[in-house]
Amino acid sequence: MNIKDINSAIISGVFTNDDLNSIANAIKFARGQLARQNARTFWAGDTVKFTSARNGVTYTGTVEKIKLKYALVRTAGSRFNVPLSMLE
């Protein structure tokens, strides 16, 4: 099953509310796992880039601090609290 099949199955409405809650919980768990994996790959001082979900702009900056699920990233003149799953 690929992503298109999953998306079309969700949109078509074949799932119950309990099924959708289960899918949402699985996604939340997978995002947490990805954040923990990324937390082990980034260190303070690393140069990273991320794309803002608000305006679509790609920023490049330096990691100042790694938190549980977020990283504090300093760019030219700004500091962002970025989810670890968004960092490249």
Protein backbone atom coordinates (compact mmCIF):
# COMPACT_ATOMS: atom_id res chain seq x y z
CA MET A 1 0.00 0.00 0.00
CA ASN A 2 1.41 3.39 -0.95
CA ILE A 3 0.62 6.87 0.32
CA LYS A 4 -1.93 7.56 -2.42
CA ASP A 5 -3.89 4.45 -1.44
CA ILE A 6 -3.83 5.44 2.23
CA ASN A 7 -4.93 9.01 1.49
CA SER A 8 -7.77 7.93 -0.79
CA ALA A 9 -8.96 5.36 1.80
CA ILE A 10 -9.04 8.03 4.50
CA ILE A 11 -10.80 10.57 2.27
CA SER A 12 -13.38 8.05 1.03
CA GLY A 13 -14.68 7.67 4.57
CA VAL A 14 -14.35 3.91 4.99
CA PHE A 15 -12.85 4.28 8.46
CA THR A 16 -14.76 4.64 11.72
CA ASN A 17 -13.91 7.29 14.28
CA ASP A 18 -12.01 4.69 16.32
CA ASP A 19 -10.02 3.72 13.22
CA LEU A 20 -9.13 7.37 12.55
CA ASN A 21 -8.08 7.86 16.18
CA SER A 22 -5.85 4.80 15.89
CA ILE A 23 -4.28 6.18 12.70
CA ALA A 24 -3.73 9.57 14.39
CA ASN A 25 -2.05 7.89 17.37
CA ALA A 26 0.21 5.87 15.06
CA ILE A 27 1.23 9.06 13.24
CA LYS A 28 1.93 10.84 16.53
CA PHE A 29 4.07 7.90 17.70
CA ALA A 30 6.00 7.81 14.39
CA ARG A 31 6.69 11.56 14.58
CA GLY A 32 7.98 11.15 18.13
CA GLN A 33 10.28 8.34 17.02
CA LEU A 34 11.58 10.48 14.16
CA ALA A 35 12.20 13.38 16.56
CA ARG A 36 14.14 11.13 18.95
CA GLN A 37 16.18 9.74 16.05
CA ASN A 38 16.95 13.27 14.82
CA ALA A 39 17.87 14.37 18.36
CA ARG A 40 20.72 11.87 18.24
CA THR A 41 21.99 13.15 14.88
CA PHE A 42 22.11 16.90 15.58
CA TRP A 43 24.38 18.68 18.04
CA ALA A 44 24.74 22.27 19.21
CA GLY A 45 26.82 24.13 16.64
CA ASP A 46 25.59 22.12 13.64
CA THR A 47 24.41 24.04 10.59
CA VAL A 48 20.88 23.01 9.61
CA LYS A 49 18.10 24.11 7.31
CA PHE A 50 14.34 23.91 7.60
CA THR A 51 11.30 25.16 5.71
CA SER A 52 8.78 27.23 7.63
CA ALA A 53 5.27 25.78 7.64
CA ARG A 54 3.85 29.28 7.98
CA ASN A 55 5.40 31.05 5.00
CA GLY A 56 7.22 28.32 3.04
CA VAL A 57 10.60 30.06 3.37
CA THR A 58 13.67 27.86 3.77
CA TYR A 59 15.96 29.03 6.57
CA THR A 60 19.55 28.06 7.28
CA GLY A 61 20.90 28.43 10.78
CA THR A 62 22.96 27.04 13.63
CA VAL A 63 21.63 24.76 16.36
CA GLU A 64 21.98 26.43 19.75
CA LYS A 65 20.26 23.80 21.89
CA ILE A 66 18.62 20.39 21.45
CA LYS A 67 15.47 19.86 23.51
CA LEU A 68 13.26 16.77 23.74
CA LYS A 69 11.31 17.33 20.51
CA TYR A 70 12.55 20.74 19.38
CA ALA A 71 15.81 22.49 18.56
CA LEU A 72 16.58 26.13 19.16
CA VAL A 73 18.00 27.38 15.85
CA ARG A 74 19.59 30.80 15.32
CA THR A 75 19.34 32.24 11.83
CA ALA A 76 20.44 35.65 10.58
CA GLY A 77 18.78 37.85 13.18
CA SER A 78 16.16 35.39 14.49
CA ARG A 79 15.79 32.37 16.75
CA PHE A 80 13.33 29.60 16.00
CA ASN A 81 12.03 26.71 18.07
CA VAL A 82 11.95 24.05 15.31
CA PRO A 83 10.58 20.50 15.57
CA LEU A 84 13.48 18.07 15.19
CA SER A 85 11.62 16.22 12.43
CA MET A 86 11.79 19.36 10.24
CA LEU A 87 15.57 19.77 10.37
CA GLU A 88 17.86 18.79 7.54
